[in-house]
Protein backbone atom coordinates (compact mmCIF):
# COMPACT_ATOMS: atom_id res chain seq x y z
CA MET A 1 138.93 143.60 195.20
CA ILE A 2 140.86 143.20 192.32
CA ASP A 3 139.08 143.91 189.02
CA LYS A 4 140.53 140.67 186.98
CA ASN A 5 139.44 142.51 183.49
CA ASN A 6 141.96 145.53 184.57
CA TYR A 7 144.49 143.57 185.59
CA TYR A 8 144.54 141.52 182.10
CA ALA A 9 144.49 144.88 180.43
CA THR A 10 147.69 145.86 181.94
CA ARG A 11 149.50 142.66 181.73
CA ASN A 12 149.21 142.95 177.97
CA GLN A 13 149.96 146.31 177.66
CA LYS A 14 152.86 145.76 179.55
CA THR A 15 153.64 143.12 176.79
CA ASP A 16 152.64 145.49 173.70
CA GLU A 17 155.04 147.86 175.13
CA LYS A 18 157.96 145.35 174.86
CA ILE A 19 156.80 144.38 171.64
CA GLU A 20 156.74 148.55 170.97
CA LEU A 21 160.35 148.21 172.00
CA LEU A 22 161.63 145.19 169.89
CA LEU A 23 160.17 146.56 166.79
CA LEU A 24 162.75 149.36 166.85
CA ASP A 25 165.14 146.42 165.72
CA LEU A 26 163.17 145.57 163.11
CA PRO A 27 162.10 146.96 159.04
CA THR A 28 159.32 149.88 159.52
CA PHE A 29 156.70 147.94 157.53
CA CYS A 30 156.52 145.08 160.28
CA MET A 31 154.72 148.01 162.70
CA ASP A 32 152.22 147.08 159.99
CA PHE A 33 152.38 143.78 160.31
CA ILE A 34 152.50 143.53 163.69
CA TYR A 35 149.33 146.26 164.51
CA GLY A 36 147.69 144.84 161.49
CA THR A 37 147.03 141.35 162.92
CA SER A 38 146.10 142.56 166.50
CA ASN A 39 142.89 141.92 166.48
CA ASN A 40 143.15 137.66 165.65
CA THR A 41 145.89 137.24 167.37
CA THR A 42 147.64 137.33 171.29
CA SER A 43 149.60 139.60 172.55
CA LEU A 44 151.96 136.81 173.14
CA THR A 45 151.26 135.28 169.92
CA ARG A 46 152.45 138.80 168.39
CA LEU A 47 155.55 139.04 171.02
CA ASN A 48 156.27 135.65 169.62
CA TYR A 49 156.24 137.06 166.14
CA VAL A 50 158.92 139.79 166.45
CA TYR A 51 161.47 137.49 168.43
CA ASP A 52 161.22 135.36 165.44
CA LEU A 53 161.29 138.18 162.48
CA ARG A 54 164.19 140.25 164.32
CA ILE A 55 166.27 136.82 163.90
CA PHE A 56 165.01 136.32 160.32
CA PHE A 57 166.19 140.29 159.75
CA ASP A 58 169.27 139.62 160.93
CA TYR A 59 169.90 137.19 158.94
CA LEU A 60 168.82 138.68 156.07
CA SER A 61 170.77 142.00 156.61
CA LYS A 62 174.12 139.12 156.07
CA ILE A 63 173.05 137.74 152.97
CA LYS A 64 171.56 140.81 151.17
CA LYS A 65 174.60 143.04 152.81
CA ILE A 66 172.05 145.99 153.75
CA LYS A 67 170.94 147.50 157.23
CA ILE A 68 167.68 146.37 159.16
CA SER A 69 167.13 149.85 159.00
CA ASP A 70 167.30 150.51 155.60
CA MET A 71 165.31 147.74 154.83
CA LYS A 72 162.02 148.51 153.04
CA ILE A 73 159.09 146.06 152.03
CA ASP A 74 160.47 145.76 148.42
CA ILE A 75 163.42 143.15 150.32
CA LEU A 76 160.41 141.13 150.39
CA ASN A 77 159.65 140.77 146.93
CA SER A 78 163.32 140.07 146.71
CA LEU A 79 163.27 136.80 148.30
CA THR A 80 163.02 133.05 147.03
CA THR A 81 162.51 129.84 148.03
CA PHE A 82 166.02 129.22 148.46
CA ASP A 83 166.41 132.04 150.76
CA ILE A 84 164.13 131.34 152.83
CA GLU A 85 165.39 127.77 152.70
CA ARG A 86 168.71 128.23 153.31
CA PHE A 87 168.01 130.70 156.49
CA LEU A 88 165.69 127.10 157.80
CA ASN A 89 168.91 125.65 157.40
CA TYR A 90 171.38 128.53 159.04
CA LEU A 91 168.65 128.03 162.37
CA SER A 92 170.55 124.54 162.63
CA SER A 93 173.20 126.28 164.15
CA TYR A 94 173.35 130.22 164.36
CA LYS A 95 174.37 133.59 166.44
CA TYR A 96 172.81 136.06 167.07
CA GLY A 97 174.19 139.45 169.13
CA ASN A 98 176.23 137.35 171.06
CA ARG A 99 174.94 133.57 171.77
CA CYS A 100 175.16 130.83 169.52
CA LEU A 101 171.72 129.70 169.27
CA SER A 102 170.19 126.06 167.09
CA CYS A 103 166.20 125.65 166.30
CA ASP A 104 165.67 121.80 166.69
CA GLU A 105 162.78 121.26 164.04
CA ARG A 106 159.87 123.08 166.03
CA GLY A 107 161.78 125.99 166.59
CA LYS A 108 162.38 126.33 161.98
CA ALA A 109 158.49 125.26 161.95
CA ARG A 110 157.75 128.33 164.16
CA LYS A 111 159.43 131.13 162.32
CA LEU A 112 158.69 129.65 158.96
CA SER A 113 155.15 129.89 160.18
CA THR A 114 155.81 133.71 161.38
CA ILE A 115 157.21 134.61 157.69
CA ARG A 116 154.84 132.85 156.29
CA ALA A 117 151.97 135.27 158.19
CA MET A 118 153.94 138.22 157.59
CA CYS A 119 154.17 137.31 153.51
CA ARG A 120 150.47 136.32 153.85
CA TYR A 121 149.75 139.78 155.47
CA PHE A 122 151.17 142.00 152.97
CA PHE A 123 150.53 140.21 149.95
CA SER A 124 146.76 140.15 150.42
CA ARG A 125 146.98 143.77 150.68
CA ASP A 126 148.51 143.68 147.34
CA LEU A 127 151.57 145.50 149.30
CA ILE A 128 154.12 142.37 147.53
CA THR A 129 153.72 140.80 144.48
CA SER A 130 154.18 136.88 145.92
CA ASN A 131 153.78 135.16 148.48
CA VAL A 132 157.12 132.81 148.46
CA ALA A 133 156.89 131.48 152.02
CA ALA A 134 153.83 130.26 150.86
CA LYS A 135 155.48 127.39 148.75
CA VAL A 136 158.28 126.53 151.30
CA PRO A 137 157.52 123.03 152.75
CA THR A 138 157.35 123.16 156.49
CA PRO A 139 160.59 120.83 158.05
CA LYS A 140 159.51 117.31 158.32
CA ILE A 141 158.80 116.90 162.31
CA HIS A 142 160.28 113.57 163.77
CA GLU A 143 158.12 112.21 166.88
CA LYS A 144 159.59 111.56 169.51
CA GLU A 145 159.30 108.87 172.45
CA ILE A 146 158.07 110.17 174.55
CA ILE A 147 160.52 110.70 178.36
CA ARG A 148 158.40 111.54 180.99
CA LEU A 149 159.00 110.75 185.19
CA GLU A 150 157.64 107.08 186.13
CA GLY A 151 155.28 106.38 188.70
CA ASN A 152 158.69 106.33 191.55
CA GLU A 153 160.48 108.74 189.67
CA VAL A 154 157.21 111.29 191.00
CA GLU A 155 157.39 110.79 194.26
CA LYS A 156 161.68 110.43 194.63
CA LEU A 157 160.98 114.05 192.46
CA LEU A 158 158.51 115.47 195.83
CA ASP A 159 160.53 114.47 198.30
CA TYR A 160 163.48 115.42 197.14
CA ALA A 161 162.06 118.67 196.38
CA GLU A 162 160.65 118.59 200.47
CA SER A 163 163.89 117.74 201.30
CA GLU A 164 166.38 119.84 203.81
CA THR A 165 169.14 119.41 202.13
CA ALA A 166 168.75 118.17 198.62
CA PHE A 167 171.47 120.84 197.47
CA SER A 168 175.08 121.93 199.01
CA GLY A 169 176.74 124.83 199.96
CA ARG A 170 175.19 128.34 198.80
CA LYS A 171 173.15 126.43 196.52
CA ASN A 172 170.82 124.40 199.39
CA THR A 173 170.34 127.67 201.32
CA TYR A 174 168.51 129.26 198.28
CA HIS A 175 166.73 125.41 198.13
CA ASN A 176 165.42 126.45 201.67
CA LYS A 177 164.21 129.42 201.07
CA LEU A 178 162.18 128.42 197.65
CA LYS A 179 161.38 124.81 198.53
CA VAL A 180 157.49 125.42 199.52
CA ARG A 181 157.44 127.18 196.26
CA ASP A 182 159.06 124.69 194.51
CA PHE A 183 156.96 122.09 195.77
CA ALA A 184 153.58 123.60 194.90
CA ILE A 185 155.44 124.52 191.42
CA LEU A 186 156.34 120.38 190.35
CA SER A 187 153.72 119.25 192.26
CA LEU A 188 150.93 121.89 190.05
CA PHE A 189 152.67 120.67 186.99
CA LEU A 190 152.09 116.79 187.81
CA GLY A 191 148.48 117.18 188.84
CA THR A 192 147.17 119.31 186.43
CA GLY A 193 149.32 119.25 183.04
CA ILE A 194 149.23 122.93 182.29
CA ARG A 195 151.59 124.38 179.89
CA ILE A 196 155.02 126.58 181.86
CA SER A 197 153.12 129.83 179.87
CA GLU A 198 149.21 128.70 181.88
CA LEU A 199 151.53 128.27 185.32
CA VAL A 200 153.52 131.66 185.29
CA GLY A 201 150.32 133.30 183.88
CA LEU A 202 148.20 132.51 187.10
CA ASN A 203 147.01 134.65 189.33
CA VAL A 204 146.13 133.69 193.27
CA THR A 205 142.44 135.11 192.88
CA ASP A 206 142.57 132.16 189.68
CA PHE A 207 141.95 129.53 192.50
CA ASP A 208 138.80 128.10 194.13
CA PHE A 209 140.14 125.88 197.04
CA ALA A 210 136.94 125.52 197.74
CA ASN A 211 136.38 123.68 194.55
CA LEU A 212 139.75 122.42 194.23
CA SER A 213 140.09 124.54 190.87
CA PHE A 214 141.16 127.26 188.93
CA VAL A 215 141.03 129.01 185.88
CA VAL A 216 143.90 129.37 183.40
CA THR A 217 144.32 130.66 180.43
CA ARG A 218 144.46 128.82 177.44
CA LYS A 219 146.17 128.76 173.66
CA GLY A 220 144.50 131.80 172.08
CA GLY A 221 143.25 133.67 175.29
CA ASN A 222 140.18 131.24 175.96
CA ARG A 223 139.91 130.85 179.94
CA THR A 224 139.07 127.06 180.86
CA ILE A 225 138.43 125.98 184.20
CA LEU A 226 140.29 123.02 185.62
CA TYR A 227 140.54 120.94 188.34
CA PHE A 228 143.03 119.13 191.48
CA ASN A 229 143.36 116.84 193.86
CA GLU A 230 143.74 117.12 197.42
CA GLU A 231 147.97 116.70 197.56
CA VAL A 232 148.20 119.57 194.82
CA ARG A 233 145.50 121.58 197.28
CA ASP A 234 148.06 121.17 199.80
CA ALA A 235 151.04 122.17 198.18
CA LEU A 236 149.55 125.61 197.28
CA GLU A 237 148.26 126.36 200.60
CA ALA A 238 151.11 125.87 202.12
CA TRP A 239 153.08 128.74 199.41
CA LEU A 240 149.92 130.64 199.84
CA ASP A 241 150.80 130.95 203.73
CA TYR A 242 154.20 131.33 203.00
CA ARG A 243 153.98 134.09 199.90
CA TYR A 244 151.59 135.70 202.11
CA ASP A 245 154.15 136.23 204.94
CA LEU A 246 156.63 137.70 202.63
CA LYS A 247 157.76 141.17 202.73
CA ASP A 248 157.95 143.69 199.93
CA VAL A 249 155.38 142.22 197.52
CA PRO A 250 153.72 144.67 195.88
CA LYS A 251 149.77 145.11 196.52
CA ASN A 252 149.46 145.09 192.85
CA GLU A 253 150.87 141.83 192.65
CA MET A 254 148.82 139.02 191.78
CA ALA A 255 151.09 136.38 191.09
CA MET A 256 150.04 132.80 192.25
CA PHE A 257 154.31 132.55 191.81
CA LEU A 258 156.97 135.20 192.22
CA SER A 259 160.59 135.44 191.58
CA MET A 260 163.01 136.12 194.55
CA LYS A 261 162.37 139.60 193.81
CA ASN A 262 159.21 139.36 195.10
CA GLN A 263 157.44 139.17 191.11
CA ARG A 264 155.96 137.05 188.86
CA ILE A 265 158.17 134.26 188.08
CA SER A 266 159.81 133.73 184.53
CA THR A 267 159.51 130.76 182.12
CA ARG A 268 163.16 130.51 182.09
CA ALA A 269 163.19 130.62 186.13
CA VAL A 270 160.22 127.51 186.23
CA GLN A 271 162.46 125.46 182.88
CA VAL A 272 165.85 126.11 185.12
CA LEU A 273 164.43 125.17 188.77
CA VAL A 274 162.45 122.15 186.97
CA LYS A 275 166.39 121.33 185.37
CA GLU A 276 168.05 121.37 188.59
CA TYR A 277 165.79 119.19 190.60
CA THR A 278 164.84 116.35 188.13
CA LYS A 279 168.69 116.34 187.36
CA GLU A 280 169.27 115.11 190.41
CA VAL A 281 166.14 112.61 190.82
CA THR A 282 166.96 111.07 187.13
CA PRO A 283 170.43 112.32 185.22
CA LEU A 284 169.79 110.00 182.68
CA LYS A 285 166.28 111.79 181.32
CA LYS A 286 166.58 115.12 180.26
CA ILE A 287 162.70 116.54 181.68
CA THR A 288 161.26 119.57 181.40
CA PRO A 289 158.15 121.10 182.33
CA HIS A 290 156.48 120.06 179.21
CA LYS A 291 158.09 116.63 180.15
CA LEU A 292 156.22 116.82 183.21
CA ARG A 293 152.85 117.59 181.50
CA SER A 294 153.70 114.30 179.48
CA THR A 295 153.55 112.59 182.59
CA PHE A 296 150.47 113.84 183.89
CA GLY A 297 148.85 113.14 180.09
CA THR A 298 150.59 109.28 180.14
CA ASP A 299 149.00 108.81 183.90
CA LEU A 300 146.02 110.22 183.41
CA TYR A 301 145.32 107.63 180.03
CA ARG A 302 146.36 104.88 182.25
CA GLN A 303 143.94 105.53 184.45
CA THR A 304 141.26 106.19 182.80
CA GLY A 305 141.64 104.81 178.95
CA ASP A 306 140.21 107.88 177.76
CA ILE A 307 142.05 109.50 174.90
CA TYR A 308 139.17 112.35 174.57
CA ALA A 309 139.01 112.93 178.51
CA VAL A 310 142.61 113.46 178.28
CA ALA A 311 142.28 115.88 175.52
CA ASP A 312 140.41 117.95 176.87
CA PHE A 313 142.00 118.30 180.62
CA LEU A 314 145.30 119.26 178.27
CA GLY A 315 143.83 121.53 175.91
CA HIS A 316 144.56 119.80 173.08
CA LYS A 317 142.19 120.88 170.22
CA ASP A 318 142.81 117.57 167.36
CA VAL A 319 143.17 114.28 169.63
CA ASN A 320 145.44 113.34 167.36
CA THR A 321 148.17 115.68 169.44
CA THR A 322 147.53 113.80 172.31
CA ARG A 323 147.61 110.26 171.09
CA LYS A 324 151.02 110.29 171.60
CA HIS A 325 150.44 109.23 175.12
CA TYR A 326 149.99 106.33 173.99
CA ALA A 327 153.59 105.62 173.61
CA ALA A 328 153.27 104.61 177.17
CA ILE A 329 151.20 101.10 176.50
CA SER A 330 154.32 100.60 173.62
CA GLN A 331 156.82 101.40 176.02
CA ASP A 332 154.85 98.69 179.23
CA SER A 333 155.05 96.56 176.49
CA ARG A 334 158.36 96.33 175.51
CA ARG A 335 159.80 96.29 179.04
CA GLU A 336 157.43 92.77 179.55
CA SER A 337 158.42 91.52 176.55
CA ALA A 338 162.11 92.26 177.85
CA GLY A 339 161.70 90.08 180.97
CA ILE A 340 160.51 87.66 178.96
CA VAL A 341 163.33 86.53 176.98
CA LYS A 342 165.68 84.98 178.59
CA LEU A 343 169.66 84.75 177.65
CA ARG A 344 170.63 81.61 179.86
CA LYS A 345 167.87 78.93 179.94
CA ASN A 346 169.68 76.97 182.29
CA ASN A 347 169.61 80.00 184.61
CA GLU A 348 165.33 78.95 184.63
CA GLU A 349 166.24 74.81 186.19
């Protein structure tokens, strides 16, 4: 029997070890912030803090003409709102290391939130004299029209994932090795609406097939029981049968979904497989794991008409976050309206 508490402690330890390694790329005072917030943040939150701060201090080193290793906490006192606003503008198209990157509105908002958290931490401890980050407004996030799969597209996607000839050449060879896993992943997304971070964090011990249920770790570390239907159960059980026959899987590897290297599948790998399958089925839509989540949320709302039930299942703390699924109804109305208007009246006679 696996000791779950010990397993999660080990996983958090690995994240913390990664944080310690990445902190070497940051000013030394950042270590105080990261570990000073450890009692009220998750390991994943702190890891994201580190990723954001690496980009921020890399930017400061360029405009302030100072090496990151030479930066002292006084550099935060020298910041102006203009500096931070320029940084947010810089994120639209920037270079980190050898990579050319860009951030959308949500990415900018997250990085500003990280800077605010850092400045608030040091300001509350009288280690800096002002908190200019608090004066910088959050970038306006424009609500985008919901992109999701329609009912026939869901069926086409699952049929495609199961087929023997989804791709060509060497790519199809890999597909046939992984299609049982990929089908299970797509089915779980579409049948439960879980987040990608929740999916990659799942362990085989999180599932109770007798009750068609499983446990997910939500944002903030809360553990929640969710349920799935028989279609999802069949896909998951087929994958588990395949998984248990795999060779060279370490005995202590409890990840539900594995990579080709028999390790826990990465977020990036899941993003790629969703993209590869969906672009073949619906090339005009850029479908991501989050859009599969939206597909589930929209379908659930259509079936129940209960926005609070959708919010609870998706793990939204604020029902207003869930209201975007009303977009499905408005799009249905537009589609019906388009059929009412006739361009050539004579065609009706």
